[in-house]
Amino acid sequence: MYIAMKTNANKTNIIAIVTMFFMFAMISFVTNMAAPFGNIWQTRYQWAGMLGNLMNFLAYAIMGIPAGRLMQRIGYKRTALIALGVGFAGMVVQYLSSLVGADVATFSVGGQPVMLNLLVYLLGAFICGFCVCMLNTVVNPMLNLLGGGGNRGNQLIQTGGTLNSLTGTLTPLLVGVLIGSVTDRTAMSDVAPLLFIAMGVFALAFVVLLFVDIPEPKRSRIIRGGRDKYSPWSFRHLVLGVVAIFFYVGIEVGIPAELNFYLSDPLGPVGSAAVGGAVAAVYWLLMMVGRAASAAISGKVSTRTQLSAVALLVIVLIVVAIIVPSTSHIAMPGYSVADGFQMFQVPLSALFLVLCGLCTSLMWGCIFNLSVEGLGKYTEQASGIFMMMVVGGGIMPLVQNAVARHIGYMGSYWIVAAMLAYILFYALVGSKNVNRDIPVD
């Protein structure tokens, strides 16, 4: 009897883990649409390239804590179902931006009229941000808990992250193939097939999750009236961790996004959105490789050691990318409508930037794992706080893009190097739990 019950529990956990992996993949599929879509809007409004990305991540700042509380009240599964419904709606709204308002001006920026279709697109990106925020709030703590925390919890997060990187690889590549070369006639209607695919995936995922049994961890009672003198904010390693994740998501998004803009710039060294998207896809592909490697070693190599090593290595890669002469070139895979897949000559700095994917791939899982370690009953609320700070993926790339317009694309990567220095500090010092005296049961 005991053996049968244990076997059933193991089967339930396996189904739950696979379900979480699938949702992890969807997060990147949705998120990574924003930056390549920015190539479409940047042809009309120079300042709009990263706005969709900003709206996507701005939703984290608004929904992060509410998502954690929602999960604490109604459970992991119901929160995920709501997220999938919201994601479907967000894709529908983004598609509508290709149908309405192309000739309707709403206001002007610098004397240039802003059309309604841009606002509709930004609304859709904002709605999708709510979706991925809720999915992230569910997936990360669930995988960490299913793995029992520690190195095993990090191992499951990294494995899920491998699938996350796979869809992250495919998304900019697919957008680049659909767009081809960016012109003033390129529009959202060119990427409509990808939006239809996304709608179908959300609908299918909703139906599947509806019938999957997700084991709900025991949820702590929400204490009101100030009777609990502690909160997730009482833990120093969480506070420093949410700052680290703010910077990390800015790094993860900013490195390939700015590289995509650099290679897609009509006045740049390549001038092709298709090639830019393909090279950026290599970054996400290497993230998949890095996460798979981390998943393989996380049972033996500590999370802190992994984060310290990759933070130091990626700082070196970024600095080399900045200082390497712009006249140095290397052949990398790309795609053009006329010639299909082939090798294209791109600046050597692009190689060092995409290699960063091997290192940044580990950081999300490592930072989350270290930040929530030892939080016990505060884990759900901490996850919501953690997700709130993912807004850094919208703010920091926007800052980097603004700096790039003044000092050049490569010069903007000094901001990335500074953020990485903080993550190295967190790995070495800030991630240690110095508040073990706080009761968490």
Protein backbone atom coordinates (compact mmCIF):
# COMPACT_ATOMS: atom_id res chain seq x y z
CA MET A 1 0.00 0.00 0.00
CA TYR A 2 2.75 2.44 0.98
CA ILE A 3 4.75 1.62 -2.16
CA ALA A 4 1.66 2.19 -4.36
CA MET A 5 0.97 5.56 -2.71
CA LYS A 6 4.58 6.60 -3.14
CA THR A 7 4.53 5.56 -6.81
CA ASN A 8 1.37 7.60 -7.45
CA ALA A 9 2.92 10.60 -5.73
CA ASN A 10 6.02 10.29 -7.90
CA LYS A 11 3.90 10.11 -11.06
CA THR A 12 1.99 13.21 -9.95
CA ASN A 13 5.26 15.05 -9.34
CA ILE A 14 6.60 14.07 -12.75
CA ILE A 15 3.45 15.34 -14.48
CA ALA A 16 3.63 18.56 -12.46
CA ILE A 17 7.31 19.03 -13.32
CA VAL A 18 6.69 18.48 -17.06
CA THR A 19 3.77 20.95 -16.93
CA MET A 20 5.97 23.56 -15.23
CA PHE A 21 8.67 22.98 -17.86
CA PHE A 22 6.16 23.66 -20.64
CA MET A 23 5.00 26.88 -19.00
CA PHE A 24 8.63 27.90 -18.51
CA ALA A 25 9.07 27.57 -22.28
CA MET A 26 5.99 29.71 -22.93
CA ILE A 27 7.36 32.54 -20.80
CA SER A 28 10.32 33.04 -23.10
CA PHE A 29 8.22 32.56 -26.24
CA VAL A 30 6.01 35.49 -25.24
CA THR A 31 8.71 37.72 -23.75
CA ASN A 32 11.15 37.42 -26.66
CA MET A 33 8.64 38.73 -29.17
CA ALA A 34 8.93 42.29 -27.85
CA ALA A 35 12.51 43.14 -28.84
CA PRO A 36 12.37 41.91 -32.49
CA PHE A 37 8.89 43.45 -32.86
CA GLY A 38 10.61 46.70 -31.87
CA ASN A 39 12.39 46.67 -35.24
CA ILE A 40 8.98 47.18 -36.86
CA TRP A 41 8.05 50.20 -34.75
CA GLN A 42 11.53 51.73 -34.76
CA THR A 43 11.23 52.37 -38.50
CA ARG A 44 8.34 54.74 -37.73
CA TYR A 45 9.39 56.08 -34.34
CA GLN A 46 13.09 56.05 -33.49
CA TRP A 47 12.30 56.17 -29.78
CA ALA A 48 9.85 53.25 -29.84
CA GLY A 49 12.21 50.32 -30.41
CA MET A 50 12.22 49.12 -26.79
CA LEU A 51 8.76 50.39 -25.74
CA GLY A 52 7.03 47.04 -26.27
CA ASN A 53 9.72 45.40 -24.18
CA LEU A 54 9.26 48.10 -21.52
CA MET A 55 5.49 47.57 -21.39
CA ASN A 56 5.98 43.82 -21.13
CA PHE A 57 8.26 44.16 -18.12
CA LEU A 58 6.45 47.14 -16.58
CA ALA A 59 3.59 44.74 -15.89
CA TYR A 60 5.91 42.87 -13.51
CA ALA A 61 6.24 45.97 -11.31
CA ILE A 62 2.45 46.18 -11.03
CA MET A 63 1.55 42.48 -10.91
CA GLY A 64 4.52 40.96 -9.06
CA ILE A 65 3.28 41.26 -5.47
CA PRO A 66 -0.43 40.75 -6.36
CA ALA A 67 0.55 37.56 -8.23
CA GLY A 68 2.28 36.24 -5.14
CA ARG A 69 -0.74 37.02 -2.99
CA LEU A 70 -3.08 35.52 -5.59
CA MET A 71 -1.07 32.31 -5.61
CA GLN A 72 -1.16 32.26 -1.81
CA ARG A 73 -4.97 32.62 -1.81
CA ILE A 74 -6.16 30.45 -4.72
CA GLY A 75 -3.20 28.15 -5.33
CA TYR A 76 -0.64 27.50 -8.05
CA LYS A 77 -2.90 25.85 -10.62
CA ARG A 78 -5.68 28.44 -10.62
CA THR A 79 -3.14 31.25 -10.83
CA ALA A 80 -1.55 29.57 -13.85
CA LEU A 81 -4.94 29.12 -15.56
CA ILE A 82 -5.73 32.81 -15.11
CA ALA A 83 -2.30 33.65 -16.52
CA LEU A 84 -2.90 31.57 -19.66
CA GLY A 85 -6.24 33.28 -20.27
CA VAL A 86 -4.62 36.69 -19.88
CA GLY A 87 -1.84 35.68 -22.28
CA PHE A 88 -4.34 34.66 -24.96
CA ALA A 89 -6.05 38.06 -24.63
CA GLY A 90 -2.71 39.85 -24.92
CA MET A 91 -1.90 38.10 -28.19
CA VAL A 92 -5.31 38.99 -29.60
CA VAL A 93 -4.77 42.67 -28.76
CA GLN A 94 -1.31 42.66 -30.37
CA TYR A 95 -2.84 41.17 -33.51
CA LEU A 96 -5.51 43.88 -33.53
CA SER A 97 -2.74 46.48 -33.78
CA SER A 98 -2.20 45.27 -37.35
CA LEU A 99 -5.85 45.90 -38.23
CA VAL A 100 -6.82 49.20 -36.64
CA GLY A 101 -5.61 52.72 -36.22
CA ALA A 102 -2.84 52.85 -38.84
CA ASP A 103 -4.19 56.19 -40.09
CA VAL A 104 -5.53 57.56 -36.81
CA ALA A 105 -3.23 59.97 -34.96
CA THR A 106 -3.69 60.23 -31.19
CA PHE A 107 -1.00 62.70 -30.11
CA SER A 108 2.44 63.82 -31.24
CA VAL A 109 5.99 63.41 -29.97
CA GLY A 110 8.46 66.01 -31.18
CA GLY A 111 5.95 67.08 -33.83
CA GLN A 112 5.62 63.52 -35.13
CA PRO A 113 2.08 62.05 -34.95
CA VAL A 114 1.74 58.82 -32.98
CA MET A 115 -0.78 56.45 -34.56
CA LEU A 116 -3.39 54.44 -32.70
CA ASN A 117 -1.97 51.10 -33.85
CA LEU A 118 1.19 51.67 -31.78
CA LEU A 119 -0.87 52.26 -28.65
CA VAL A 120 -2.92 49.12 -29.30
CA TYR A 121 0.29 47.11 -29.70
CA LEU A 122 1.72 48.52 -26.46
CA LEU A 123 -1.50 47.62 -24.65
CA GLY A 124 -1.18 44.04 -25.93
CA ALA A 125 2.45 43.86 -24.81
CA PHE A 126 1.39 45.16 -21.38
CA ILE A 127 -1.32 42.51 -21.06
CA CYS A 128 1.16 39.79 -22.04
CA GLY A 129 3.43 41.12 -19.32
CA PHE A 130 0.74 40.32 -16.73
CA CYS A 131 0.60 36.79 -18.13
CA VAL A 132 4.31 36.02 -17.98
CA CYS A 133 4.59 37.62 -14.54
CA MET A 134 1.96 35.28 -13.12
CA LEU A 135 3.47 32.27 -14.90
CA ASN A 136 6.92 33.11 -13.52
CA THR A 137 5.47 33.53 -10.04
CA VAL A 138 4.04 30.02 -10.25
CA VAL A 139 6.75 28.13 -12.13
CA ASN A 140 9.90 29.08 -10.22
CA PRO A 141 8.81 28.35 -6.63
CA MET A 142 6.91 25.25 -7.77
CA LEU A 143 10.01 23.74 -9.41
CA ASN A 144 12.14 24.75 -6.45
CA LEU A 145 9.68 23.09 -4.05
CA LEU A 146 9.29 19.96 -6.20
CA GLY A 147 13.07 19.63 -6.12
CA GLY A 148 13.18 20.11 -2.36
CA GLY A 149 15.13 23.37 -2.59
CA GLY A 150 18.92 23.53 -2.53
CA ASN A 151 20.97 22.21 -5.44
CA ARG A 152 18.16 19.86 -6.59
CA GLY A 153 15.68 22.75 -6.72
CA ASN A 154 18.16 24.76 -8.78
CA GLN A 155 18.63 21.73 -11.05
CA LEU A 156 14.91 21.63 -11.92
CA ILE A 157 14.81 25.38 -12.51
CA GLN A 158 17.82 25.14 -14.84
CA THR A 159 16.25 22.23 -16.72
CA GLY A 160 13.06 24.23 -17.22
CA GLY A 161 15.24 27.16 -18.23
CA THR A 162 16.75 25.01 -20.99
CA LEU A 163 13.33 24.78 -22.65
CA ASN A 164 12.84 28.48 -21.92
CA SER A 165 16.00 29.19 -23.91
CA LEU A 166 14.87 26.93 -26.76
CA THR A 167 11.76 29.01 -27.37
CA GLY A 168 13.85 32.13 -26.78
CA THR A 169 16.06 30.97 -29.63
CA LEU A 170 13.19 30.32 -32.00
CA THR A 171 11.21 33.51 -31.42
CA PRO A 172 13.66 36.18 -32.75
CA LEU A 173 14.64 33.78 -35.53
CA LEU A 174 11.01 33.36 -36.62
CA VAL A 175 10.35 37.09 -36.40
CA GLY A 176 13.46 37.79 -38.48
CA VAL A 177 12.37 35.28 -41.13
CA LEU A 178 8.87 36.79 -41.29
CA ILE A 179 10.14 40.37 -41.47
CA GLY A 180 13.16 39.90 -43.74
CA SER A 181 14.69 43.32 -44.33
CA VAL A 182 13.12 46.15 -42.32
CA THR A 183 11.66 48.93 -44.47
CA ASP A 184 9.18 51.72 -43.85
CA ARG A 185 6.49 49.36 -45.17
CA THR A 186 7.17 46.59 -42.64
CA ALA A 187 4.13 46.14 -40.36
CA MET A 188 2.71 43.95 -37.61
CA SER A 189 0.67 42.11 -40.24
CA ASP A 190 3.96 40.55 -41.40
CA VAL A 191 4.28 38.67 -38.10
CA ALA A 192 0.59 37.73 -37.76
CA PRO A 193 1.34 33.98 -38.28
CA LEU A 194 3.49 33.98 -35.15
CA LEU A 195 0.71 35.65 -33.16
CA PHE A 196 -1.79 33.03 -34.33
CA ILE A 197 0.62 30.29 -33.24
CA ALA A 198 0.91 31.93 -29.83
CA MET A 199 -2.88 32.09 -29.45
CA GLY A 200 -3.15 28.41 -30.28
CA VAL A 201 -0.44 27.50 -27.78
CA PHE A 202 -2.15 29.45 -25.00
CA ALA A 203 -5.50 27.82 -25.73
CA LEU A 204 -3.98 24.34 -25.82
CA ALA A 205 -2.00 24.92 -22.62
CA PHE A 206 -5.15 26.12 -20.83
CA VAL A 207 -7.05 22.95 -21.75
CA VAL A 208 -4.16 20.65 -20.81
CA LEU A 209 -3.54 22.34 -17.45
CA LEU A 210 -7.25 22.17 -16.66
CA PHE A 211 -7.02 18.37 -16.53
CA VAL A 212 -3.56 18.05 -14.96
CA ASP A 213 -3.30 17.40 -11.23
CA ILE A 214 -0.86 19.90 -9.74
CA PRO A 215 0.21 19.11 -6.15
CA GLU A 216 -0.45 22.24 -4.10
CA PRO A 217 2.07 22.88 -1.34
CA LYS A 218 0.61 23.79 2.02
CA ARG A 219 -0.07 27.50 1.88
CA SER A 220 0.64 29.63 4.91
CA ARG A 221 -2.15 31.69 6.40
CA ILE A 222 -1.97 35.38 5.50
CA ILE A 223 -1.47 37.24 8.76
CA ARG A 224 -3.23 40.58 9.03
CA GLY A 225 -3.13 43.39 11.52
CA GLY A 226 0.66 43.42 11.91
CA ARG A 227 0.73 40.36 14.17
CA ASP A 228 3.66 38.88 12.29
CA LYS A 229 6.63 41.13 12.94
CA TYR A 230 8.58 39.51 10.09
CA SER A 231 8.11 39.49 6.31
CA PRO A 232 10.14 38.46 3.28
CA TRP A 233 11.80 41.88 3.48
CA SER A 234 13.31 40.83 6.83
CA PHE A 235 15.78 38.59 4.98
CA ARG A 236 18.87 40.41 3.75
CA HIS A 237 19.70 37.82 1.08
CA LEU A 238 16.24 38.27 -0.46
CA VAL A 239 16.48 42.07 -0.48
CA LEU A 240 19.86 41.96 -2.19
CA GLY A 241 18.57 39.18 -4.45
CA VAL A 242 15.68 41.22 -5.83
CA VAL A 243 18.16 43.95 -6.77
CA ALA A 244 20.30 41.28 -8.44
CA ILE A 245 17.34 39.99 -10.44
CA PHE A 246 16.42 43.56 -11.47
CA PHE A 247 19.87 43.91 -12.99
CA TYR A 248 20.02 40.35 -14.31
CA VAL A 249 16.87 40.55 -16.44
CA GLY A 250 18.12 43.87 -17.81
CA ILE A 251 21.34 42.08 -18.76
CA GLU A 252 19.63 39.03 -20.26
CA VAL A 253 17.32 41.14 -22.44
CA GLY A 254 19.72 44.01 -23.14
CA ILE A 255 22.64 42.00 -24.53
CA PRO A 256 20.79 40.37 -27.48
CA ALA A 257 18.30 43.20 -27.98
CA GLU A 258 20.95 45.90 -28.44
CA LEU A 259 22.96 43.51 -30.60
CA ASN A 260 19.85 42.96 -32.74
CA PHE A 261 19.39 46.73 -33.13
CA TYR A 262 23.10 47.11 -33.95
CA LEU A 263 23.02 44.53 -36.74
CA SER A 264 19.56 45.59 -37.99
CA ASP A 265 20.42 49.29 -38.22
CA PRO A 266 20.23 50.23 -41.95
CA LEU A 267 23.31 52.41 -41.38
CA GLY A 268 25.10 49.74 -39.37
CA PRO A 269 27.64 47.06 -40.32
CA VAL A 270 25.02 44.57 -41.59
CA GLY A 271 21.72 46.42 -42.01
CA SER A 272 19.46 43.34 -41.95
CA ALA A 273 16.79 42.50 -39.38
CA ALA A 274 16.87 38.88 -40.53
CA VAL A 275 20.61 38.58 -39.86
CA GLY A 276 20.25 40.51 -36.60
CA GLY A 277 17.48 38.18 -35.47
CA ALA A 278 19.46 35.08 -36.45
CA VAL A 279 22.59 36.22 -34.59
CA ALA A 280 20.51 37.16 -31.54
CA ALA A 281 18.96 33.69 -31.73
CA VAL A 282 22.45 32.20 -31.30
CA TYR A 283 22.63 33.98 -27.94
CA TRP A 284 19.41 32.27 -26.81
CA LEU A 285 20.62 28.98 -28.25
CA LEU A 286 23.77 29.21 -26.14
CA MET A 287 21.62 30.02 -23.13
CA MET A 288 19.89 26.71 -23.72
CA VAL A 289 23.28 24.96 -23.82
CA GLY A 290 24.41 26.70 -20.64
CA ARG A 291 21.24 25.81 -18.74
CA ALA A 292 21.45 22.20 -19.86
CA ALA A 293 25.04 22.06 -18.60
CA SER A 294 24.01 23.64 -15.29
CA ALA A 295 21.16 21.15 -14.91
CA ALA A 296 23.68 18.34 -15.36
CA ILE A 297 26.10 19.59 -12.70
CA SER A 298 23.82 21.31 -10.18
CA GLY A 299 23.54 18.17 -8.09
CA LYS A 300 27.29 18.33 -7.43
CA VAL A 301 28.38 21.97 -7.89
CA SER A 302 26.87 24.52 -5.51
CA THR A 303 24.62 27.27 -6.78
CA ARG A 304 26.86 29.97 -5.28
CA THR A 305 29.96 28.61 -7.02
CA GLN A 306 28.18 28.49 -10.39
CA LEU A 307 26.90 32.07 -10.10
CA SER A 308 30.30 33.43 -9.05
CA ALA A 309 32.12 31.74 -11.92
CA VAL A 310 29.75 32.78 -14.71
CA ALA A 311 29.42 36.36 -13.43
CA LEU A 312 33.18 36.81 -13.60
CA LEU A 313 33.45 35.19 -17.03
CA VAL A 314 30.68 37.24 -18.62
CA ILE A 315 32.25 40.47 -17.35
CA VAL A 316 35.41 39.50 -19.25
CA LEU A 317 33.41 38.72 -22.41
CA ILE A 318 31.56 42.06 -22.28
CA VAL A 319 34.76 44.08 -21.81
CA VAL A 320 36.45 42.24 -24.71
CA ALA A 321 33.39 42.89 -26.92
CA ILE A 322 33.58 46.60 -26.14
CA ILE A 323 37.29 47.05 -26.84
CA VAL A 324 37.68 44.77 -29.88
CA PRO A 325 38.13 46.89 -33.07
CA SER A 326 34.91 47.42 -35.03
CA THR A 327 36.82 46.65 -38.22
CA SER A 328 37.36 43.03 -37.14
CA HIS A 329 34.76 40.68 -38.60
CA ILE A 330 33.76 37.04 -38.35
CA ALA A 331 31.33 34.78 -40.21
CA MET A 332 28.15 33.87 -38.30
CA PRO A 333 24.93 32.16 -39.43
CA GLY A 334 22.11 34.35 -40.71
CA TYR A 335 19.09 34.39 -42.98
CA SER A 336 17.96 36.59 -45.85
CA VAL A 337 14.84 36.33 -47.97
CA ALA A 338 16.92 36.30 -51.15
CA ASP A 339 19.63 33.83 -50.13
CA GLY A 340 18.11 31.79 -47.28
CA PHE A 341 20.40 30.53 -44.52
CA GLN A 342 24.07 31.25 -45.00
CA MET A 343 27.11 32.67 -43.23
CA PHE A 344 27.26 36.45 -42.96
CA GLN A 345 30.16 38.70 -42.02
CA VAL A 346 29.41 40.48 -38.75
CA PRO A 347 31.60 42.47 -36.31
CA LEU A 348 33.77 40.25 -34.08
CA SER A 349 32.18 41.87 -31.03
CA ALA A 350 28.94 40.05 -31.93
CA LEU A 351 30.65 36.71 -31.26
CA PHE A 352 31.71 37.72 -27.74
CA LEU A 353 28.23 39.07 -27.00
CA VAL A 354 26.42 35.89 -28.05
CA LEU A 355 28.92 33.82 -26.01
CA CYS A 356 27.61 35.68 -22.96
CA GLY A 357 24.50 33.51 -23.32
CA LEU A 358 26.45 30.54 -21.98
CA CYS A 359 26.98 32.46 -18.74
CA THR A 360 23.81 34.49 -18.29
CA SER A 361 21.80 31.30 -18.78
CA LEU A 362 22.61 30.12 -15.26
CA MET A 363 21.93 33.38 -13.47
CA TRP A 364 18.13 33.40 -13.22
CA GLY A 365 17.86 30.02 -11.57
CA CYS A 366 20.87 30.62 -9.33
CA ILE A 367 19.68 34.02 -8.08
CA PHE A 368 16.14 32.80 -7.45
CA ASN A 369 17.36 29.66 -5.69
CA LEU A 370 19.71 31.61 -3.42
CA SER A 371 17.18 34.37 -2.75
CA VAL A 372 14.35 32.13 -1.48
CA GLU A 373 16.54 29.61 0.33
CA GLY A 374 15.42 29.24 3.93
CA LEU A 375 12.30 31.46 3.61
CA GLY A 376 9.78 28.72 4.42
CA LYS A 377 6.28 30.18 4.81
CA TYR A 378 7.40 33.45 3.21
CA THR A 379 8.28 31.78 -0.12
CA GLU A 380 5.05 32.65 -2.01
CA GLN A 381 5.20 36.33 -1.03
CA ALA A 382 8.92 36.40 -1.78
CA SER A 383 8.26 34.99 -5.25
CA GLY A 384 5.83 37.84 -5.92
CA ILE A 385 8.37 40.43 -4.76
CA PHE A 386 10.99 38.72 -6.88
CA MET A 387 8.77 38.92 -9.97
CA MET A 388 8.05 42.59 -9.35
CA MET A 389 11.72 43.37 -9.84
CA VAL A 390 11.77 41.63 -13.23
CA VAL A 391 10.68 45.08 -14.44
CA GLY A 392 14.43 45.63 -14.78
CA GLY A 393 14.16 43.76 -18.09
CA GLY A 394 12.12 46.70 -19.40
CA ILE A 395 13.89 49.59 -17.70
CA MET A 396 17.57 48.75 -18.09
CA PRO A 397 17.46 47.86 -21.83
CA LEU A 398 15.59 51.13 -22.39
CA VAL A 399 18.35 52.98 -20.52
CA GLN A 400 20.99 51.09 -22.48
CA ASN A 401 19.25 51.90 -25.76
CA ALA A 402 19.11 55.60 -24.84
CA VAL A 403 22.83 55.57 -23.99
CA ALA A 404 23.56 53.78 -27.27
CA ARG A 405 22.03 56.65 -29.21
CA HIS A 406 24.56 59.02 -27.62
CA ILE A 407 27.81 57.03 -27.32
CA GLY A 408 27.23 54.14 -29.73
CA TYR A 409 25.93 50.61 -29.50
CA MET A 410 29.07 49.03 -28.07
CA GLY A 411 29.72 51.81 -25.58
CA SER A 412 26.32 51.14 -24.04
CA TYR A 413 27.55 47.75 -22.83
CA TRP A 414 29.53 49.42 -20.02
CA ILE A 415 26.16 49.61 -18.25
CA VAL A 416 25.87 45.85 -18.60
CA ALA A 417 29.37 45.38 -17.16
CA ALA A 418 28.45 47.48 -14.10
CA MET A 419 25.30 45.43 -13.45
CA LEU A 420 27.30 42.22 -13.73
CA ALA A 421 29.73 43.51 -11.11
CA TYR A 422 26.83 43.75 -8.65
CA ILE A 423 25.73 40.18 -9.44
CA LEU A 424 29.28 38.99 -8.72
CA PHE A 425 29.07 40.77 -5.36
CA TYR A 426 25.75 39.07 -4.64
CA ALA A 427 27.16 35.65 -5.46
CA LEU A 428 30.20 36.10 -3.23
CA VAL A 429 28.73 38.02 -0.29
CA GLY A 430 25.10 39.11 -0.56
CA SER A 431 23.51 35.68 -1.05
CA LYS A 432 24.44 34.37 2.40
CA ASN A 433 21.44 33.95 4.72
CA VAL A 434 22.33 35.95 7.85
CA ASN A 435 18.77 35.84 9.26
CA ARG A 436 18.51 32.21 10.31
CA ASP A 437 17.02 33.28 13.65
CA ILE A 438 13.72 34.25 11.99
CA PRO A 439 11.06 31.50 12.38
CA VAL A 440 9.81 30.30 8.96
CA ASP A 441 7.56 27.35 9.87
